[in-house]
Amino acid sequence: VYIFREGALLGPALAERILRRAGVPWVFDFDDAVWVRYVSPANS
């Protein structure tokens, strides 16, 4: 599984934890400091 930035845009790592329990390997790819909380102008 290739994951770009996050498995799901909102919420905790629920799907990602299921993926780990299923034993499926993944590559994680990110191009921004996504560990920083970003406030969207349209949906703060």
All heavy atoms as atom14 arrays in JSON, in Angstrom:
{
  "sequence": "VYIFREGALLGPALAERILRRAGVPWVFDFDDAVWVRYVSPANS",
  "atom14_mask": [
    [1, 1, 1, 1, 1, 1, 1, 0, 0, 0, 0, 0, 0, 0],
    [1, 1, 1, 1, 1, 1, 1, 1, 1, 1, 1, 1, 0, 0],
    [1, 1, 1, 1, 1, 1, 1, 1, 0, 0, 0, 0, 0, 0],
    [1, 1, 1, 1, 1, 1, 1, 1, 1, 1, 1, 0, 0, 0],
    [1, 1, 1, 1, 1, 1, 1, 1, 1, 1, 1, 0, 0, 0],
    [1, 1, 1, 1, 1, 1, 1, 1, 1, 0, 0, 0, 0, 0],
    [1, 1, 1, 1, 0, 0, 0, 0, 0, 0, 0, 0, 0, 0],
    [1, 1, 1, 1, 1, 0, 0, 0, 0, 0, 0, 0, 0, 0],
    [1, 1, 1, 1, 1, 1, 1, 1, 0, 0, 0, 0, 0, 0],
    [1, 1, 1, 1, 1, 1, 1, 1, 0, 0, 0, 0, 0, 0],
    [1, 1, 1, 1, 0, 0, 0, 0, 0, 0, 0, 0, 0, 0],
    [1, 1, 1, 1, 1, 1, 1, 0, 0, 0, 0, 0, 0, 0],
    [1, 1, 1, 1, 1, 0, 0, 0, 0, 0, 0, 0, 0, 0],
    [1, 1, 1, 1, 1, 1, 1, 1, 0, 0, 0, 0, 0, 0],
    [1, 1, 1, 1, 1, 0, 0, 0, 0, 0, 0, 0, 0, 0],
    [1, 1, 1, 1, 1, 1, 1, 1, 1, 0, 0, 0, 0, 0],
    [1, 1, 1, 1, 1, 1, 1, 1, 1, 1, 1, 0, 0, 0],
    [1, 1, 1, 1, 1, 1, 1, 1, 0, 0, 0, 0, 0, 0],
    [1, 1, 1, 1, 1, 1, 1, 1, 0, 0, 0, 0, 0, 0],
    [1, 1, 1, 1, 1, 1, 1, 1, 1, 1, 1, 0, 0, 0],
    [1, 1, 1, 1, 1, 1, 1, 1, 1, 1, 1, 0, 0, 0],
    [1, 1, 1, 1, 1, 0, 0, 0, 0, 0, 0, 0, 0, 0],
    [1, 1, 1, 1, 0, 0, 0, 0, 0, 0, 0, 0, 0, 0],
    [1, 1, 1, 1, 1, 1, 1, 0, 0, 0, 0, 0, 0, 0],
    [1, 1, 1, 1, 1, 1, 1, 0, 0, 0, 0, 0, 0, 0],
    [1, 1, 1, 1, 1, 1, 1, 1, 1, 1, 1, 1, 1, 1],
    [1, 1, 1, 1, 1, 1, 1, 0, 0, 0, 0, 0, 0, 0],
    [1, 1, 1, 1, 1, 1, 1, 1, 1, 1, 1, 0, 0, 0],
    [1, 1, 1, 1, 1, 1, 1, 1, 0, 0, 0, 0, 0, 0],
    [1, 1, 1, 1, 1, 1, 1, 1, 1, 1, 1, 0, 0, 0],
    [1, 1, 1, 1, 1, 1, 1, 1, 0, 0, 0, 0, 0, 0],
    [1, 1, 1, 1, 1, 1, 1, 1, 0, 0, 0, 0, 0, 0],
    [1, 1, 1, 1, 1, 0, 0, 0, 0, 0, 0, 0, 0, 0],
    [1, 1, 1, 1, 1, 1, 1, 0, 0, 0, 0, 0, 0, 0],
    [1, 1, 1, 1, 1, 1, 1, 1, 1, 1, 1, 1, 1, 1],
    [1, 1, 1, 1, 1, 1, 1, 0, 0, 0, 0, 0, 0, 0],
    [1, 1, 1, 1, 1, 1, 1, 1, 1, 1, 1, 0, 0, 0],
    [1, 1, 1, 1, 1, 1, 1, 1, 1, 1, 1, 1, 0, 0],
    [1, 1, 1, 1, 1, 1, 1, 0, 0, 0, 0, 0, 0, 0],
    [1, 1, 1, 1, 1, 1, 0, 0, 0, 0, 0, 0, 0, 0],
    [1, 1, 1, 1, 1, 1, 1, 0, 0, 0, 0, 0, 0, 0],
    [1, 1, 1, 1, 1, 0, 0, 0, 0, 0, 0, 0, 0, 0],
    [1, 1, 1, 1, 1, 1, 1, 1, 0, 0, 0, 0, 0, 0],
    [1, 1, 1, 1, 1, 1, 0, 0, 0, 0, 0, 0, 0, 0]
  ],
  "atom14_positions": [
    [[0.86, -1.19, 0.0], [0.0, 0.0, 0.0], [0.89, 1.23, 0.0], [1.87, 1.31, 0.75], [-0.94, 0.03, 1.22], [-1.72, 1.35, 1.28], [-1.91, -1.15, 1.18], [0.0, 0.0, 0.0], [0.0, 0.0, 0.0], [0.0, 0.0, 0.0], [0.0, 0.0, 0.0], [0.0, 0.0, 0.0], [0.0, 0.0, 0.0], [0.0, 0.0, 0.0]],
    [[0.59, 2.17, -0.88], [1.27, 3.46, -0.92], [0.34, 4.47, -0.26], [-0.84, 4.58, -0.62], [1.55, 3.86, -2.37], [1.9, 5.33, -2.56], [3.22, 5.75, -2.49], [0.9, 6.28, -2.79], [3.55, 7.1, -2.67], [1.22, 7.62, -2.98], [2.54, 8.02, -2.91], [2.85, 9.35, -3.07], [0.0, 0.0, 0.0], [0.0, 0.0, 0.0]],
    [[0.85, 5.21, 0.73], [0.05, 6.21, 1.44], [0.68, 7.58, 1.22], [1.82, 7.81, 1.61], [-0.04, 5.9, 2.95], [-0.63, 4.5, 3.18], [-0.88, 6.96, 3.66], [-0.65, 4.09, 4.65], [0.0, 0.0, 0.0], [0.0, 0.0, 0.0], [0.0, 0.0, 0.0], [0.0, 0.0, 0.0], [0.0, 0.0, 0.0], [0.0, 0.0, 0.0]],
    [[-0.09, 8.47, 0.6], [0.38, 9.84, 0.41], [-0.21, 10.73, 1.49], [-1.42, 10.93, 1.56], [-0.01, 10.35, -0.98], [0.46, 11.76, -1.25], [1.81, 12.06, -1.25], [-0.44, 12.79, -1.48], [2.26, 13.35, -1.48], [0.0, 14.08, -1.73], [1.35, 14.36, -1.72], [0.0, 0.0, 0.0], [0.0, 0.0, 0.0], [0.0, 0.0, 0.0]],
    [[0.64, 11.19, 2.38], [0.31, 12.11, 3.47], [-0.44, 11.45, 4.63], [-0.06, 11.59, 5.77], [-0.49, 13.31, 2.98], [0.31, 14.25, 2.09], [-0.52, 15.46, 1.79], [0.27, 16.49, 1.13], [0.12, 17.77, 1.33], [-0.78, 18.2, 2.18], [0.87, 18.65, 0.69], [0.0, 0.0, 0.0], [0.0, 0.0, 0.0], [0.0, 0.0, 0.0]],
    [[-1.54, 10.75, 4.35], [-2.32, 10.11, 5.4], [-3.34, 9.19, 4.75], [-3.76, 9.4, 3.62], [-3.04, 11.16, 6.25], [-3.85, 12.15, 5.44], [-4.1, 13.45, 6.18], [-4.05, 13.45, 7.42], [-4.35, 14.46, 5.52], [0.0, 0.0, 0.0], [0.0, 0.0, 0.0], [0.0, 0.0, 0.0], [0.0, 0.0, 0.0], [0.0, 0.0, 0.0]],
    [[-3.71, 8.16, 5.49], [-4.69, 7.23, 4.94], [-6.07, 7.82, 4.85], [-6.85, 7.49, 3.97], [0.0, 0.0, 0.0], [0.0, 0.0, 0.0], [0.0, 0.0, 0.0], [0.0, 0.0, 0.0], [0.0, 0.0, 0.0], [0.0, 0.0, 0.0], [0.0, 0.0, 0.0], [0.0, 0.0, 0.0], [0.0, 0.0, 0.0], [0.0, 0.0, 0.0]],
    [[-6.41, 8.69, 5.82], [-7.7, 9.37, 5.84], [-7.46, 10.82, 6.25], [-6.66, 11.1, 7.15], [-8.65, 8.69, 6.83], [0.0, 0.0, 0.0], [0.0, 0.0, 0.0], [0.0, 0.0, 0.0], [0.0, 0.0, 0.0], [0.0, 0.0, 0.0], [0.0, 0.0, 0.0], [0.0, 0.0, 0.0], [0.0, 0.0, 0.0], [0.0, 0.0, 0.0]],
    [[-8.17, 11.75, 5.6], [-7.92, 13.17, 5.85], [-8.23, 13.58, 7.27], [-7.59, 14.46, 7.83], [-8.75, 14.01, 4.88], [-8.24, 14.11, 3.45], [-9.22, 14.89, 2.59], [-6.88, 14.77, 3.41], [0.0, 0.0, 0.0], [0.0, 0.0, 0.0], [0.0, 0.0, 0.0], [0.0, 0.0, 0.0], [0.0, 0.0, 0.0], [0.0, 0.0, 0.0]],
    [[-9.26, 12.99, 7.87], [-9.68, 13.39, 9.2], [-9.68, 12.18, 10.14], [-9.73, 11.03, 9.71], [-11.07, 14.01, 9.16], [-11.22, 15.26, 8.28], [-12.67, 15.71, 8.23], [-10.34, 16.38, 8.78], [0.0, 0.0, 0.0], [0.0, 0.0, 0.0], [0.0, 0.0, 0.0], [0.0, 0.0, 0.0], [0.0, 0.0, 0.0], [0.0, 0.0, 0.0]],
    [[-9.62, 12.49, 11.44], [-9.69, 11.44, 12.45], [-8.34, 10.83, 12.77], [-7.33, 11.11, 12.11], [0.0, 0.0, 0.0], [0.0, 0.0, 0.0], [0.0, 0.0, 0.0], [0.0, 0.0, 0.0], [0.0, 0.0, 0.0], [0.0, 0.0, 0.0], [0.0, 0.0, 0.0], [0.0, 0.0, 0.0], [0.0, 0.0, 0.0], [0.0, 0.0, 0.0]],
    [[-8.29, 10.01, 13.81], [-7.04, 9.34, 14.19], [-6.67, 8.26, 13.19], [-7.4, 8.02, 12.2], [-7.37, 8.75, 15.57], [-8.86, 8.55, 15.54], [-9.41, 9.67, 14.7], [0.0, 0.0, 0.0], [0.0, 0.0, 0.0], [0.0, 0.0, 0.0], [0.0, 0.0, 0.0], [0.0, 0.0, 0.0], [0.0, 0.0, 0.0], [0.0, 0.0, 0.0]],
    [[-5.58, 7.56, 13.46], [-5.05, 6.55, 12.52], [-5.83, 5.24, 12.64], [-5.27, 4.19, 12.97], [-3.57, 6.33, 12.78], [0.0, 0.0, 0.0], [0.0, 0.0, 0.0], [0.0, 0.0, 0.0], [0.0, 0.0, 0.0], [0.0, 0.0, 0.0], [0.0, 0.0, 0.0], [0.0, 0.0, 0.0], [0.0, 0.0, 0.0], [0.0, 0.0, 0.0]],
    [[-7.13, 5.27, 12.33], [-7.96, 4.06, 12.47], [-7.7, 3.09, 11.32], [-7.38, 1.92, 11.54], [-9.44, 4.47, 12.5], [-9.85, 5.37, 13.67], [-11.31, 5.77, 13.53], [-9.62, 4.66, 15.0], [0.0, 0.0, 0.0], [0.0, 0.0, 0.0], [0.0, 0.0, 0.0], [0.0, 0.0, 0.0], [0.0, 0.0, 0.0], [0.0, 0.0, 0.0]],
    [[-7.87, 3.55, 10.09], [-7.65, 2.68, 8.94], [-6.21, 2.2, 8.9], [-5.92, 1.05, 8.54], [-8.01, 3.4, 7.64], [0.0, 0.0, 0.0], [0.0, 0.0, 0.0], [0.0, 0.0, 0.0], [0.0, 0.0, 0.0], [0.0, 0.0, 0.0], [0.0, 0.0, 0.0], [0.0, 0.0, 0.0], [0.0, 0.0, 0.0], [0.0, 0.0, 0.0]],
    [[-5.28, 3.08, 9.27], [-3.86, 2.72, 9.25], [-3.56, 1.61, 10.27], [-2.74, 0.73, 10.02], [-3.03, 3.96, 9.54], [-3.17, 5.06, 8.48], [-4.26, 6.07, 8.77], [-5.22, 5.71, 9.51], [-4.18, 7.18, 8.27], [0.0, 0.0, 0.0], [0.0, 0.0, 0.0], [0.0, 0.0, 0.0], [0.0, 0.0, 0.0], [0.0, 0.0, 0.0]],
    [[-4.22, 1.67, 11.43], [-4.02, 0.62, 12.44], [-4.59, -0.72, 11.96], [-4.02, -1.78, 12.22], [-4.64, 1.04, 13.76], [-3.88, 2.19, 14.43], [-4.47, 2.58, 15.77], [-3.79, 3.74, 16.32], [-2.64, 3.7, 16.98], [-2.07, 2.52, 17.21], [-2.07, 4.79, 17.43], [0.0, 0.0, 0.0], [0.0, 0.0, 0.0], [0.0, 0.0, 0.0]],
    [[-5.73, -0.66, 11.27], [-6.29, -1.89, 10.7], [-5.32, -2.48, 9.68], [-5.08, -3.69, 9.64], [-7.66, -1.61, 10.06], [-8.68, -1.23, 11.14], [-8.15, -2.81, 9.26], [-10.01, -0.76, 10.58], [0.0, 0.0, 0.0], [0.0, 0.0, 0.0], [0.0, 0.0, 0.0], [0.0, 0.0, 0.0], [0.0, 0.0, 0.0], [0.0, 0.0, 0.0]],
    [[-4.75, -1.61, 8.86], [-3.77, -2.05, 7.86], [-2.59, -2.75, 8.53], [-2.13, -3.8, 8.07], [-3.3, -0.83, 7.07], [-2.68, -1.07, 5.7], [-3.71, -1.62, 4.73], [-2.13, 0.25, 5.16], [0.0, 0.0, 0.0], [0.0, 0.0, 0.0], [0.0, 0.0, 0.0], [0.0, 0.0, 0.0], [0.0, 0.0, 0.0], [0.0, 0.0, 0.0]],
    [[-2.14, -2.2, 9.63], [-1.01, -2.81, 10.34], [-1.4, -4.16, 10.93], [-0.64, -5.14, 10.85], [-0.53, -1.86, 11.44], [0.69, -2.41, 12.18], [1.29, -1.37, 13.1], [2.43, -1.94, 13.79], [2.5, -2.16, 15.1], [1.48, -1.82, 15.87], [3.57, -2.68, 15.66], [0.0, 0.0, 0.0], [0.0, 0.0, 0.0], [0.0, 0.0, 0.0]],
    [[-2.59, -4.25, 11.51], [-3.04, -5.53, 12.08], [-3.19, -6.59, 10.99], [-2.97, -7.78, 11.23], [-4.36, -5.35, 12.82], [-4.24, -4.6, 14.14], [-5.54, -4.64, 14.9], [-5.92, -6.01, 15.25], [-7.07, -6.35, 15.81], [-7.99, -5.41, 16.05], [-7.34, -7.6, 16.11], [0.0, 0.0, 0.0], [0.0, 0.0, 0.0], [0.0, 0.0, 0.0]],
    [[-3.56, -6.15, 9.78], [-3.7, -7.1, 8.67], [-2.36, -7.53, 8.12], [-2.29, -8.42, 7.27], [-4.55, -6.46, 7.56], [0.0, 0.0, 0.0], [0.0, 0.0, 0.0], [0.0, 0.0, 0.0], [0.0, 0.0, 0.0], [0.0, 0.0, 0.0], [0.0, 0.0, 0.0], [0.0, 0.0, 0.0], [0.0, 0.0, 0.0], [0.0, 0.0, 0.0]],
    [[-1.29, -6.89, 8.57], [0.06, -7.29, 8.15], [0.43, -6.84, 6.75], [1.31, -7.44, 6.12], [0.0, 0.0, 0.0], [0.0, 0.0, 0.0], [0.0, 0.0, 0.0], [0.0, 0.0, 0.0], [0.0, 0.0, 0.0], [0.0, 0.0, 0.0], [0.0, 0.0, 0.0], [0.0, 0.0, 0.0], [0.0, 0.0, 0.0], [0.0, 0.0, 0.0]],
    [[-0.21, -5.77, 6.26], [0.06, -5.29, 4.9], [1.17, -4.23, 4.98], [1.03, -3.24, 5.7], [-1.21, -4.69, 4.26], [-0.91, -4.21, 2.84], [-2.33, -5.72, 4.27], [0.0, 0.0, 0.0], [0.0, 0.0, 0.0], [0.0, 0.0, 0.0], [0.0, 0.0, 0.0], [0.0, 0.0, 0.0], [0.0, 0.0, 0.0], [0.0, 0.0, 0.0]],
    [[2.27, -4.38, 4.25], [3.34, -3.37, 4.28], [2.92, -2.11, 3.54], [2.14, -2.16, 2.59], [4.5, -4.06, 3.57], [3.84, -5.03, 2.64], [2.6, -5.51, 3.34], [0.0, 0.0, 0.0], [0.0, 0.0, 0.0], [0.0, 0.0, 0.0], [0.0, 0.0, 0.0], [0.0, 0.0, 0.0], [0.0, 0.0, 0.0], [0.0, 0.0, 0.0]],
    [[3.45, -0.98, 3.99], [3.15, 0.26, 3.27], [4.39, 1.13, 3.13], [5.34, 1.04, 3.9], [2.01, 1.04, 3.92], [2.26, 1.71, 5.25], [3.0, 2.82, 5.49], [1.72, 1.32, 6.52], [2.96, 3.16, 6.82], [2.17, 2.26, 7.47], [0.87, 0.29, 6.93], [1.83, 2.19, 8.82], [0.53, 0.21, 8.27], [1.0, 1.15, 9.2]],
    [[4.33, 1.97, 2.07], [5.29, 3.05, 1.85], [4.56, 4.34, 2.18], [3.46, 4.58, 1.69], [5.79, 3.08, 0.4], [6.55, 4.38, 0.11], [6.67, 1.89, 0.11], [0.0, 0.0, 0.0], [0.0, 0.0, 0.0], [0.0, 0.0, 0.0], [0.0, 0.0, 0.0], [0.0, 0.0, 0.0], [0.0, 0.0, 0.0], [0.0, 0.0, 0.0]],
    [[5.18, 5.17, 3.01], [4.59, 6.46, 3.35], [5.35, 7.56, 2.63], [6.58, 7.61, 2.65], [4.64, 6.69, 4.86], [4.06, 8.01, 5.27], [2.73, 8.3, 5.07], [4.85, 8.98, 5.88], [2.18, 9.52, 5.43], [4.32, 10.22, 6.25], [2.98, 10.48, 6.03], [0.0, 0.0, 0.0], [0.0, 0.0, 0.0], [0.0, 0.0, 0.0]],
    [[4.61, 8.46, 1.96], [5.2, 9.54, 1.17], [4.6, 10.86, 1.62], [3.37, 10.99, 1.74], [4.9, 9.3, -0.32], [5.47, 10.37, -1.23], [6.4, 11.09, -0.8], [4.99, 10.49, -2.37], [0.0, 0.0, 0.0], [0.0, 0.0, 0.0], [0.0, 0.0, 0.0], [0.0, 0.0, 0.0], [0.0, 0.0, 0.0], [0.0, 0.0, 0.0]],
    [[5.43, 11.86, 1.9], [4.9, 13.17, 2.28], [5.77, 14.29, 1.75], [6.99, 14.16, 1.62], [4.68, 13.27, 3.79], [5.92, 13.26, 4.66], [6.07, 14.18, 5.68], [6.91, 12.28, 4.52], [7.18, 14.17, 6.52], [8.02, 12.26, 5.34], [8.15, 13.22, 6.35], [0.0, 0.0, 0.0], [0.0, 0.0, 0.0], [0.0, 0.0, 0.0]],
    [[5.1, 15.41, 1.4], [5.78, 16.55, 0.78], [5.5, 17.85, 1.5], [5.73, 18.93, 0.97], [5.34, 16.66, -0.69], [3.88, 17.01, -0.84], [3.1, 16.8, 0.13], [3.48, 17.51, -1.9], [0.0, 0.0, 0.0], [0.0, 0.0, 0.0], [0.0, 0.0, 0.0], [0.0, 0.0, 0.0], [0.0, 0.0, 0.0], [0.0, 0.0, 0.0]],
    [[4.97, 17.76, 2.72], [4.7, 18.92, 3.56], [4.94, 18.53, 5.01], [4.99, 17.34, 5.33], [3.25, 19.4, 3.4], [3.08, 20.5, 2.36], [3.96, 21.39, 2.28], [2.08, 20.46, 1.63], [0.0, 0.0, 0.0], [0.0, 0.0, 0.0], [0.0, 0.0, 0.0], [0.0, 0.0, 0.0], [0.0, 0.0, 0.0], [0.0, 0.0, 0.0]],
    [[5.03, 19.53, 5.88], [5.2, 19.26, 7.31], [3.84, 18.89, 7.9], [3.25, 19.62, 8.7], [5.78, 20.48, 8.0], [0.0, 0.0, 0.0], [0.0, 0.0, 0.0], [0.0, 0.0, 0.0], [0.0, 0.0, 0.0], [0.0, 0.0, 0.0], [0.0, 0.0, 0.0], [0.0, 0.0, 0.0], [0.0, 0.0, 0.0], [0.0, 0.0, 0.0]],
    [[3.35, 17.71, 7.52], [1.98, 17.32, 7.86], [1.8, 16.98, 9.33], [0.68, 16.71, 9.77], [1.5, 16.15, 6.97], [1.27, 16.61, 5.55], [2.5, 14.99, 6.99], [0.0, 0.0, 0.0], [0.0, 0.0, 0.0], [0.0, 0.0, 0.0], [0.0, 0.0, 0.0], [0.0, 0.0, 0.0], [0.0, 0.0, 0.0], [0.0, 0.0, 0.0]],
    [[2.89, 16.99, 10.12], [2.74, 16.82, 11.56], [2.34, 18.12, 12.24], [2.05, 18.15, 13.43], [4.05, 16.3, 12.15], [5.2, 17.26, 12.07], [5.53, 18.24, 12.97], [6.16, 17.36, 11.02], [6.64, 18.93, 12.55], [7.05, 18.41, 11.35], [6.38, 16.65, 9.83], [8.13, 18.77, 10.54], [7.44, 17.02, 9.02], [8.3, 18.07, 9.38]],
    [[2.33, 19.23, 11.48], [1.93, 20.53, 12.0], [0.45, 20.74, 11.69], [0.01, 20.47, 10.57], [2.77, 21.66, 11.36], [2.32, 23.03, 11.86], [4.24, 21.44, 11.63], [0.0, 0.0, 0.0], [0.0, 0.0, 0.0], [0.0, 0.0, 0.0], [0.0, 0.0, 0.0], [0.0, 0.0, 0.0], [0.0, 0.0, 0.0], [0.0, 0.0, 0.0]],
    [[-0.32, 21.21, 12.66], [-1.74, 21.45, 12.4], [-1.91, 22.64, 11.46], [-1.42, 23.73, 11.73], [-2.49, 21.73, 13.71], [-4.02, 21.78, 13.5], [-4.74, 22.04, 14.81], [-4.53, 20.98, 15.77], [-5.15, 19.81, 15.77], [-6.04, 19.56, 14.83], [-4.9, 18.91, 16.68], [0.0, 0.0, 0.0], [0.0, 0.0, 0.0], [0.0, 0.0, 0.0]],
    [[-2.59, 22.42, 10.34], [-2.83, 23.47, 9.35], [-4.32, 23.81, 9.37], [-5.18, 22.92, 9.33], [-2.43, 22.99, 7.96], [-2.81, 23.95, 6.85], [-2.1, 25.14, 6.67], [-3.9, 23.7, 6.02], [-2.45, 26.03, 5.68], [-4.26, 24.59, 5.03], [-3.53, 25.76, 4.86], [-3.89, 26.64, 3.88], [0.0, 0.0, 0.0], [0.0, 0.0, 0.0]],
    [[-4.65, 25.1, 9.45], [-6.03, 25.55, 9.51], [-6.48, 26.0, 8.13], [-5.94, 26.95, 7.57], [-6.2, 26.7, 10.53], [-7.65, 27.17, 10.55], [-5.76, 26.24, 11.91], [0.0, 0.0, 0.0], [0.0, 0.0, 0.0], [0.0, 0.0, 0.0], [0.0, 0.0, 0.0], [0.0, 0.0, 0.0], [0.0, 0.0, 0.0], [0.0, 0.0, 0.0]],
    [[-7.46, 25.29, 7.57], [-7.97, 25.63, 6.24], [-8.82, 26.89, 6.29], [-9.66, 27.04, 7.19], [-8.82, 24.46, 5.71], [-9.61, 24.86, 4.62], [0.0, 0.0, 0.0], [0.0, 0.0, 0.0], [0.0, 0.0, 0.0], [0.0, 0.0, 0.0], [0.0, 0.0, 0.0], [0.0, 0.0, 0.0], [0.0, 0.0, 0.0], [0.0, 0.0, 0.0]],
    [[-8.66, 27.81, 5.33], [-9.49, 29.02, 5.31], [-10.98, 28.71, 5.13], [-11.82, 29.44, 5.63], [-8.95, 29.8, 4.1], [-7.58, 29.27, 3.87], [-7.63, 27.83, 4.27], [0.0, 0.0, 0.0], [0.0, 0.0, 0.0], [0.0, 0.0, 0.0], [0.0, 0.0, 0.0], [0.0, 0.0, 0.0], [0.0, 0.0, 0.0], [0.0, 0.0, 0.0]],
    [[-11.3, 27.63, 4.42], [-12.71, 27.32, 4.14], [-13.35, 26.48, 5.24], [-14.55, 26.54, 5.45], [-12.83, 26.59, 2.8], [0.0, 0.0, 0.0], [0.0, 0.0, 0.0], [0.0, 0.0, 0.0], [0.0, 0.0, 0.0], [0.0, 0.0, 0.0], [0.0, 0.0, 0.0], [0.0, 0.0, 0.0], [0.0, 0.0, 0.0], [0.0, 0.0, 0.0]],
    [[-12.55, 25.67, 5.95], [-13.1, 24.73, 6.93], [-12.24, 24.71, 8.19], [-11.68, 23.68, 8.55], [-13.18, 23.32, 6.33], [-14.03, 23.26, 5.08], [-15.25, 23.36, 5.14], [-13.38, 23.1, 3.94], [0.0, 0.0, 0.0], [0.0, 0.0, 0.0], [0.0, 0.0, 0.0], [0.0, 0.0, 0.0], [0.0, 0.0, 0.0], [0.0, 0.0, 0.0]],
    [[-12.17, 25.85, 8.88], [-11.29, 25.93, 10.04], [-11.7, 24.94, 11.13], [-10.86, 24.39, 11.83], [-11.28, 27.36, 10.59], [-12.59, 27.76, 10.95], [0.0, 0.0, 0.0], [0.0, 0.0, 0.0], [0.0, 0.0, 0.0], [0.0, 0.0, 0.0], [0.0, 0.0, 0.0], [0.0, 0.0, 0.0], [0.0, 0.0, 0.0], [0.0, 0.0, 0.0]]
  ]
}
